[in-house]
Amino acid sequence: MEGTFVVEQSDDFIDIAFPTDFTEGVSGEMHLFRPNNADLDLKLSIPANSKQLSIPKDKIKSGQYEIKITCDVAGNTYYFEQGITVK
């Protein structure tokens, strides 16, 4: 895999762009994990052939999270994890 996942936060969304060399369809799952409160976790399916995932911030409370992504691209499985503080 060349490139990397890119996470950006705006006032209204958390945007996760997939690596640019993912030229074939991406499918999988994203888990927004809240270490201190499992009730605030969020799981989303990644729509087939996505290049980016946008999470509306009105669906999540502010605080510390771990973004965990498992996805399949062209028969290969990839895992990405990154901490984020939602403001």
Protein backbone atom coordinates (compact mmCIF):
# COMPACT_ATOMS: atom_id res chain seq x y z
CA MET A 1 0.00 0.00 0.00
CA GLU A 2 1.30 3.39 -0.98
CA GLY A 3 -0.14 6.50 0.61
CA THR A 4 -2.04 6.52 3.86
CA PHE A 5 -5.40 7.22 5.37
CA VAL A 6 -5.94 10.94 6.01
CA VAL A 7 -8.19 12.10 8.87
CA GLU A 8 -9.43 15.70 8.92
CA GLN A 9 -11.91 17.36 11.26
CA SER A 10 -14.09 20.34 10.37
CA ASP A 11 -16.84 22.03 12.37
CA ASP A 12 -19.44 19.57 11.08
CA PHE A 13 -17.66 16.40 9.93
CA ILE A 14 -14.80 14.00 10.48
CA ASP A 15 -13.55 13.09 7.01
CA ILE A 16 -11.42 10.01 6.39
CA ALA A 17 -9.83 9.78 2.94
CA PHE A 18 -8.54 6.38 1.84
CA PRO A 19 -5.06 5.96 0.34
CA THR A 20 -4.85 7.23 -3.22
CA ASP A 21 -3.58 3.90 -4.52
CA PHE A 22 -6.83 2.22 -3.52
CA THR A 23 -8.00 2.40 -7.14
CA GLU A 24 -10.39 -0.53 -6.88
CA GLY A 25 -13.48 -0.59 -4.72
CA VAL A 26 -13.07 -0.33 -0.97
CA SER A 27 -15.46 -2.11 1.38
CA GLY A 28 -15.33 -2.73 5.10
CA GLU A 29 -16.18 -1.26 8.49
CA MET A 30 -15.20 1.76 10.56
CA HIS A 31 -15.41 1.68 14.35
CA LEU A 32 -15.23 4.95 16.27
CA PHE A 33 -14.23 3.58 19.67
CA ARG A 34 -14.67 5.63 22.86
CA PRO A 35 -12.27 4.07 25.42
CA ASN A 36 -14.07 5.36 28.52
CA ASN A 37 -17.70 4.79 27.43
CA ALA A 38 -18.74 1.98 25.09
CA ASP A 39 -22.24 3.48 24.84
CA LEU A 40 -20.70 6.28 22.73
CA ASP A 41 -19.03 3.91 20.21
CA LEU A 42 -20.14 4.19 16.60
CA LYS A 43 -19.84 1.52 13.90
CA LEU A 44 -20.38 2.27 10.23
CA SER A 45 -20.18 0.13 7.14
CA ILE A 46 -17.98 1.55 4.41
CA PRO A 47 -20.12 1.78 1.27
CA ALA A 48 -18.77 -0.21 -1.68
CA ASN A 49 -16.32 1.67 -3.93
CA SER A 50 -15.83 4.51 -1.45
CA LYS A 51 -12.86 6.85 -1.67
CA GLN A 52 -13.76 8.72 1.52
CA LEU A 53 -15.91 8.39 4.61
CA SER A 54 -17.59 11.41 6.24
CA ILE A 55 -18.98 11.16 9.76
CA PRO A 56 -21.41 13.91 10.83
CA LYS A 57 -20.26 15.26 14.18
CA ASP A 58 -23.84 15.63 15.37
CA LYS A 59 -23.84 11.81 15.70
CA ILE A 60 -21.00 11.80 18.22
CA LYS A 61 -20.15 13.47 21.52
CA SER A 62 -16.95 15.46 21.93
CA GLY A 63 -14.00 13.67 23.54
CA GLN A 64 -11.22 11.17 22.87
CA TYR A 65 -11.83 8.34 20.36
CA GLU A 66 -9.91 5.73 18.41
CA ILE A 67 -10.74 5.38 14.72
CA LYS A 68 -10.40 1.74 13.67
CA ILE A 69 -10.90 0.78 10.04
CA THR A 70 -10.81 -2.69 8.54
CA CYS A 71 -11.27 -2.73 4.78
CA ASP A 72 -10.84 -4.98 1.77
CA VAL A 73 -9.35 -3.77 -1.49
CA ALA A 74 -8.72 -6.05 -4.46
CA GLY A 75 -8.63 -9.14 -2.26
CA ASN A 76 -6.28 -7.63 0.34
CA THR A 77 -7.31 -6.69 3.89
CA TYR A 78 -6.02 -3.47 5.48
CA TYR A 79 -6.27 -2.15 9.04
CA PHE A 80 -5.89 1.48 10.15
CA GLU A 81 -6.06 2.92 13.65
CA GLN A 82 -5.62 6.52 14.82
CA GLY A 83 -6.59 8.50 17.90
CA ILE A 84 -8.66 11.66 17.54
CA THR A 85 -10.08 14.24 19.91
CA VAL A 86 -13.51 15.26 18.67
CA LYS A 87 -14.17 18.92 19.44
